[in-house]
């Protein structure tokens, strides 16, 4: 059994998850991944690295979440690839070619909160969603039909056991972007 860990994430909506599953099915990739496909309900964009779960850390992270002041933004998933994460595993991920400024602002907001609490959990995070951590083979980068994903909330989750899952401990809405201020670059 794995030790529970805490981290911040954004989860795709049901519609976005279904669009991702459709891309996998349309290309036969779901069949290639078979039982190495990560449970779609666990798909996410990491916003911090996992940290061992303790009551004090859980309290500190809840405080950070309550003070997130970033704006909602759109992440455009438009490619997929499967690369070796390390010598023992191959990760298949949906990627966004463009890194939205809103993602960087949110990551900075969370990083500042972690630093204020004396916590470290913020190496770089690229815009992506991992769908398999143990894929049977690599997959060359493939363009896909673009999937716009509106990230409008942050979740604090605790990873747990068998079957592996994320339990939501807290959720906070991001501020809506003022009308017309979200750039076309973030959308396309």
C-alpha atoms as a PDB file:
ATOM      1  CA  UNK A   1       0.000   0.000   0.000  1.00  0.00           C
ATOM      2  CA  UNK A   2       1.271   3.439  -0.883  1.00  0.00           C
ATOM      3  CA  UNK A   3       1.744   6.178   1.689  1.00  0.00           C
ATOM      4  CA  UNK A   4      -0.963   8.856   1.297  1.00  0.00           C
ATOM      5  CA  UNK A   5       0.272  12.101  -0.227  1.00  0.00           C
ATOM      6  CA  UNK A   6      -1.212  15.562  -0.692  1.00  0.00           C
ATOM      7  CA  UNK A   7      -1.048  17.878  -3.688  1.00  0.00           C
ATOM      8  CA  UNK A   8      -2.924  20.512  -5.657  1.00  0.00           C
ATOM      9  CA  UNK A   9      -4.463  19.624  -9.028  1.00  0.00           C
ATOM     10  CA  UNK A  10      -7.026  20.607 -11.623  1.00  0.00           C
ATOM     11  CA  UNK A  11      -9.323  17.874 -12.957  1.00  0.00           C
ATOM     12  CA  UNK A  12     -10.871  17.878 -16.418  1.00  0.00           C
ATOM     13  CA  UNK A  13     -14.636  18.138 -16.536  1.00  0.00           C
ATOM     14  CA  UNK A  14     -16.661  15.108 -17.580  1.00  0.00           C
ATOM     15  CA  UNK A  15     -17.016  16.595 -21.104  1.00  0.00           C
ATOM     16  CA  UNK A  16     -13.263  17.138 -21.473  1.00  0.00           C
ATOM     17  CA  UNK A  17     -12.521  13.648 -20.150  1.00  0.00           C
ATOM     18  CA  UNK A  18     -14.999  12.159 -22.646  1.00  0.00           C
ATOM     19  CA  UNK A  19     -13.365  14.096 -25.502  1.00  0.00           C
ATOM     20  CA  UNK A  20      -9.962  12.723 -24.452  1.00  0.00           C
ATOM     21  CA  UNK A  21     -11.358   9.182 -24.245  1.00  0.00           C
ATOM     22  CA  UNK A  22     -12.867   9.626 -27.722  1.00  0.00           C
ATOM     23  CA  UNK A  23      -9.476  10.627 -29.158  1.00  0.00           C
ATOM     24  CA  UNK A  24      -7.928   7.531 -27.599  1.00  0.00           C
ATOM     25  CA  UNK A  25     -10.716   5.298 -28.961  1.00  0.00           C
ATOM     26  CA  UNK A  26     -10.746   6.872 -32.455  1.00  0.00           C
ATOM     27  CA  UNK A  27      -7.042   6.092 -32.850  1.00  0.00           C
ATOM     28  CA  UNK A  28      -7.091   2.666 -31.203  1.00  0.00           C
ATOM     29  CA  UNK A  29      -4.772   3.931 -28.469  1.00  0.00           C
ATOM     30  CA  UNK A  30      -7.097   2.855 -25.658  1.00  0.00           C
ATOM     31  CA  UNK A  31      -6.740  -0.729 -26.927  1.00  0.00           C
ATOM     32  CA  UNK A  32      -2.968  -0.393 -27.161  1.00  0.00           C
ATOM     33  CA  UNK A  33      -2.831   0.849 -23.573  1.00  0.00           C
ATOM     34  CA  UNK A  34      -5.237  -1.798 -22.292  1.00  0.00           C
ATOM     35  CA  UNK A  35      -5.109  -2.087 -18.518  1.00  0.00           C
ATOM     36  CA  UNK A  36      -2.199   0.378 -18.323  1.00  0.00           C
ATOM     37  CA  UNK A  37      -4.677   3.206 -19.021  1.00  0.00           C
ATOM     38  CA  UNK A  38      -4.904   5.293 -15.824  1.00  0.00           C
ATOM     39  CA  UNK A  39      -8.496   5.515 -14.534  1.00  0.00           C
ATOM     40  CA  UNK A  40     -10.057   8.525 -16.348  1.00  0.00           C
ATOM     41  CA  UNK A  41     -11.539   9.834 -13.103  1.00  0.00           C
ATOM     42  CA  UNK A  42      -7.924  10.272 -11.876  1.00  0.00           C
ATOM     43  CA  UNK A  43      -6.740  12.296 -14.904  1.00  0.00           C
ATOM     44  CA  UNK A  44      -5.472  15.712 -13.830  1.00  0.00           C
ATOM     45  CA  UNK A  45      -3.095  18.643 -14.269  1.00  0.00           C
ATOM     46  CA  UNK A  46      -0.675  18.722 -11.328  1.00  0.00           C
ATOM     47  CA  UNK A  47      -0.287  22.117  -9.682  1.00  0.00           C
ATOM     48  CA  UNK A  48       2.207  21.006  -7.008  1.00  0.00           C
ATOM     49  CA  UNK A  49       4.244  17.896  -6.317  1.00  0.00           C
ATOM     50  CA  UNK A  50       2.976  15.267  -3.871  1.00  0.00           C
ATOM     51  CA  UNK A  51       3.968  15.684  -0.224  1.00  0.00           C
ATOM     52  CA  UNK A  52       3.526  13.121   2.559  1.00  0.00           C
ATOM     53  CA  UNK A  53       0.147  13.521   4.213  1.00  0.00           C
ATOM     54  CA  UNK A  54       0.174  14.732   7.816  1.00  0.00           C
ATOM     55  CA  UNK A  55      -2.505  16.636   9.738  1.00  0.00           C
ATOM     56  CA  UNK A  56      -0.280  19.736   9.964  1.00  0.00           C
ATOM     57  CA  UNK A  57       0.505  19.680   6.227  1.00  0.00           C
ATOM     58  CA  UNK A  58      -3.162  19.110   5.379  1.00  0.00           C
ATOM     59  CA  UNK A  59      -4.068  22.195   7.459  1.00  0.00           C
ATOM     60  CA  UNK A  60      -1.313  24.294   5.796  1.00  0.00           C
ATOM     61  CA  UNK A  61      -2.431  23.270   2.300  1.00  0.00           C
ATOM     62  CA  UNK A  62      -6.067  24.022   3.087  1.00  0.00           C
ATOM     63  CA  UNK A  63      -4.957  27.539   4.099  1.00  0.00           C
ATOM     64  CA  UNK A  64      -3.057  27.936   0.829  1.00  0.00           C
ATOM     65  CA  UNK A  65      -6.056  26.772  -1.203  1.00  0.00           C
ATOM     66  CA  UNK A  66      -8.330  29.235   0.588  1.00  0.00           C
ATOM     67  CA  UNK A  67      -6.033  32.074  -0.516  1.00  0.00           C
ATOM     68  CA  UNK A  68      -5.669  31.204  -4.215  1.00  0.00           C
ATOM     69  CA  UNK A  69      -6.577  34.370  -6.133  1.00  0.00           C
ATOM     70  CA  UNK A  70      -5.729  33.396  -9.702  1.00  0.00           C
ATOM     71  CA  UNK A  71      -8.035  33.746 -12.693  1.00  0.00           C
ATOM     72  CA  UNK A  72      -9.606  30.910 -14.642  1.00  0.00           C
ATOM     73  CA  UNK A  73      -7.979  30.128 -17.984  1.00  0.00           C
ATOM     74  CA  UNK A  74      -8.271  27.738 -20.923  1.00  0.00           C
ATOM     75  CA  UNK A  75      -5.755  24.999 -21.624  1.00  0.00           C
ATOM     76  CA  UNK A  76      -5.898  23.672 -25.190  1.00  0.00           C
ATOM     77  CA  UNK A  77      -4.876  20.007 -25.359  1.00  0.00           C
ATOM     78  CA  UNK A  78      -3.759  19.436 -28.945  1.00  0.00           C
ATOM     79  CA  UNK A  79      -1.235  16.596 -29.051  1.00  0.00           C
ATOM     80  CA  UNK A  80      -0.392  13.270 -27.435  1.00  0.00           C
ATOM     81  CA  UNK A  81       2.916  11.474 -26.975  1.00  0.00           C
ATOM     82  CA  UNK A  82       4.340   8.535 -25.076  1.00  0.00           C
ATOM     83  CA  UNK A  83       7.880   8.935 -23.800  1.00  0.00           C
ATOM     84  CA  UNK A  84      10.112   7.184 -21.301  1.00  0.00           C
ATOM     85  CA  UNK A  85       9.765   9.029 -18.005  1.00  0.00           C
ATOM     86  CA  UNK A  86      12.673   7.014 -16.615  1.00  0.00           C
ATOM     87  CA  UNK A  87      14.247   3.654 -17.467  1.00  0.00           C
ATOM     88  CA  UNK A  88      11.333   1.742 -15.902  1.00  0.00           C
ATOM     89  CA  UNK A  89       8.209   3.494 -17.223  1.00  0.00           C
ATOM     90  CA  UNK A  90       6.676   5.063 -20.305  1.00  0.00           C
ATOM     91  CA  UNK A  91       4.149   7.871 -19.811  1.00  0.00           C
ATOM     92  CA  UNK A  92       1.480   8.710 -22.378  1.00  0.00           C
ATOM     93  CA  UNK A  93       0.269  12.283 -22.025  1.00  0.00           C
ATOM     94  CA  UNK A  94      -2.078  14.753 -23.656  1.00  0.00           C
ATOM     95  CA  UNK A  95      -0.170  18.032 -24.075  1.00  0.00           C
ATOM     96  CA  UNK A  96      -0.917  21.663 -24.776  1.00  0.00           C
ATOM     97  CA  UNK A  97       1.462  23.231 -27.282  1.00  0.00           C
ATOM     98  CA  UNK A  98       0.893  26.689 -25.806  1.00  0.00           C
ATOM     99  CA  UNK A  99       1.509  27.401 -22.141  1.00  0.00           C
ATOM    100  CA  UNK A 100      -1.260  29.750 -20.966  1.00  0.00           C
ATOM    101  CA  UNK A 101      -0.204  32.747 -18.874  1.00  0.00           C
ATOM    102  CA  UNK A 102      -3.039  31.786 -16.505  1.00  0.00           C
ATOM    103  CA  UNK A 103      -1.300  28.492 -15.709  1.00  0.00           C
ATOM    104  CA  UNK A 104       1.912  30.287 -14.812  1.00  0.00           C
ATOM    105  CA  UNK A 105       0.009  32.758 -12.633  1.00  0.00           C
ATOM    106  CA  UNK A 106      -1.779  29.919 -10.807  1.00  0.00           C
ATOM    107  CA  UNK A 107       1.454  27.981 -10.287  1.00  0.00           C
ATOM    108  CA  UNK A 108       3.122  31.138  -8.928  1.00  0.00           C
ATOM    109  CA  UNK A 109       0.181  31.725  -6.577  1.00  0.00           C
ATOM    110  CA  UNK A 110       0.459  28.174  -5.196  1.00  0.00           C
ATOM    111  CA  UNK A 111       4.278  28.322  -5.040  1.00  0.00           C
ATOM    112  CA  UNK A 112       4.125  31.559  -3.043  1.00  0.00           C
ATOM    113  CA  UNK A 113       1.661  29.950  -0.622  1.00  0.00           C
ATOM    114  CA  UNK A 114       3.877  26.896  -0.196  1.00  0.00           C
ATOM    115  CA  UNK A 115       6.931  29.058   0.443  1.00  0.00           C
ATOM    116  CA  UNK A 116       5.020  31.154   2.997  1.00  0.00           C
ATOM    117  CA  UNK A 117       4.178  27.900   4.821  1.00  0.00           C
ATOM    118  CA  UNK A 118       7.801  26.695   4.613  1.00  0.00           C
ATOM    119  CA  UNK A 119       6.914  23.895   2.186  1.00  0.00           C
ATOM    120  CA  UNK A 120       8.615  22.805  -1.027  1.00  0.00           C
ATOM    121  CA  UNK A 121       6.530  21.252  -3.762  1.00  0.00           C
ATOM    122  CA  UNK A 122       6.961  23.320  -6.883  1.00  0.00           C
ATOM    123  CA  UNK A 123       9.403  22.111  -9.483  1.00  0.00           C
ATOM    124  CA  UNK A 124       8.173  22.987 -12.971  1.00  0.00           C
ATOM    125  CA  UNK A 125       4.823  21.746 -14.204  1.00  0.00           C
ATOM    126  CA  UNK A 126       4.152  21.581 -17.929  1.00  0.00           C
ATOM    127  CA  UNK A 127       0.594  21.765 -19.298  1.00  0.00           C
ATOM    128  CA  UNK A 128      -0.371  18.100 -19.711  1.00  0.00           C
ATOM    129  CA  UNK A 129      -2.576  15.239 -18.530  1.00  0.00           C
ATOM    130  CA  UNK A 130      -0.987  11.801 -18.051  1.00  0.00           C
ATOM    131  CA  UNK A 131      -3.248   8.929 -19.126  1.00  0.00           C
ATOM    132  CA  UNK A 132      -0.784   6.050 -18.627  1.00  0.00           C
ATOM    133  CA  UNK A 133       2.246   5.735 -16.360  1.00  0.00           C
ATOM    134  CA  UNK A 134       3.185   2.214 -17.497  1.00  0.00           C
ATOM    135  CA  UNK A 135       2.417   2.190 -21.239  1.00  0.00           C
ATOM    136  CA  UNK A 136       3.600  -0.886 -23.154  1.00  0.00           C
ATOM    137  CA  UNK A 137       5.460   1.195 -25.762  1.00  0.00           C
ATOM    138  CA  UNK A 138       6.422   4.713 -26.756  1.00  0.00           C
ATOM    139  CA  UNK A 139       4.207   6.835 -28.993  1.00  0.00           C
ATOM    140  CA  UNK A 140       5.655   9.464 -31.310  1.00  0.00           C
ATOM    141  CA  UNK A 141       4.116  12.905 -30.840  1.00  0.00           C
ATOM    142  CA  UNK A 142       0.776  13.027 -32.626  1.00  0.00           C
ATOM    143  CA  UNK A 143      -1.408  16.073 -33.268  1.00  0.00           C
ATOM    144  CA  UNK A 144      -5.007  15.574 -32.160  1.00  0.00           C
ATOM    145  CA  UNK A 145      -8.303  17.365 -32.603  1.00  0.00           C
ATOM    146  CA  UNK A 146      -7.920  20.267 -30.103  1.00  0.00           C
ATOM    147  CA  UNK A 147      -9.714  19.855 -26.788  1.00  0.00           C
ATOM    148  CA  UNK A 148     -10.293  23.142 -24.918  1.00  0.00           C
ATOM    149  CA  UNK A 149     -10.271  22.684 -21.152  1.00  0.00           C
ATOM    150  CA  UNK A 150     -11.438  25.561 -18.992  1.00  0.00           C
ATOM    151  CA  UNK A 151      -9.565  25.370 -15.681  1.00  0.00           C
ATOM    152  CA  UNK A 152     -11.737  27.214 -13.202  1.00  0.00           C
ATOM    153  CA  UNK A 153     -11.032  25.492  -9.893  1.00  0.00           C
ATOM    154  CA  UNK A 154      -8.176  24.092  -7.805  1.00  0.00           C
ATOM    155  CA  UNK A 155      -8.458  20.882  -5.823  1.00  0.00           C
ATOM    156  CA  UNK A 156      -6.437  19.712  -2.836  1.00  0.00           C
ATOM    157  CA  UNK A 157      -6.357  15.921  -2.973  1.00  0.00           C
ATOM    158  CA  UNK A 158      -4.963  13.050  -0.979  1.00  0.00           C
ATOM    159  CA  UNK A 159      -3.793  10.016  -2.949  1.00  0.00           C
ATOM    160  CA  UNK A 160      -4.798   6.700  -1.486  1.00  0.00           C
ATOM    161  CA  UNK A 161      -4.447   2.989  -1.808  1.00  0.00           C
ATOM    162  CA  UNK A 162      -5.956   0.142  -3.695  1.00  0.00           C
ATOM    163  CA  UNK A 163      -7.551   0.906  -6.068  1.00  0.00           C
ATOM    164  CA  UNK A 164      -5.453   4.043  -6.418  1.00  0.00           C
ATOM    165  CA  UNK A 165      -7.574   7.186  -6.226  1.00  0.00           C
ATOM    166  CA  UNK A 166      -7.589  10.831  -5.228  1.00  0.00           C
ATOM    167  CA  UNK A 167      -9.867  11.950  -2.414  1.00  0.00           C
ATOM    168  CA  UNK A 168     -10.780  15.621  -2.662  1.00  0.00           C
ATOM    169  CA  UNK A 169     -10.124  17.449   0.606  1.00  0.00           C
ATOM    170  CA  UNK A 170     -10.803  20.973  -0.628  1.00  0.00           C
ATOM    171  CA  UNK A 171     -11.847  22.825  -3.776  1.00  0.00           C
ATOM    172  CA  UNK A 172     -11.636  26.496  -4.589  1.00  0.00           C
ATOM    173  CA  UNK A 173     -13.035  28.364  -7.576  1.00  0.00           C
ATOM    174  CA  UNK A 174     -10.700  30.549  -9.588  1.00  0.00           C
ATOM    175  CA  UNK A 175     -11.773  34.112 -10.341  1.00  0.00           C
ATOM    176  CA  UNK A 176     -13.500  34.505 -13.719  1.00  0.00           C
ATOM    177  CA  UNK A 177     -11.345  36.239 -16.320  1.00  0.00           C
ATOM    178  CA  UNK A 178     -12.769  39.676 -17.214  1.00  0.00           C
ATOM    179  CA  UNK A 179     -14.695  39.562 -20.490  1.00  0.00           C
ATOM    180  CA  UNK A 180     -12.377  39.863 -23.490  1.00  0.00           C
ATOM    181  CA  UNK A 181      -9.111  39.608 -21.537  1.00  0.00           C
ATOM    182  CA  UNK A 182      -8.387  35.957 -22.240  1.00  0.00           C
ATOM    183  CA  UNK A 183      -6.106  36.000 -25.233  1.00  0.00           C
ATOM    184  CA  UNK A 184      -6.809  34.140 -28.445  1.00  0.00           C
ATOM    185  CA  UNK A 185      -3.372  32.593 -28.012  1.00  0.00           C
ATOM    186  CA  UNK A 186      -4.637  30.731 -24.927  1.00  0.00           C
ATOM    187  CA  UNK A 187      -7.669  29.500 -26.839  1.00  0.00           C
ATOM    188  CA  UNK A 188      -5.924  28.405 -30.045  1.00  0.00           C
END
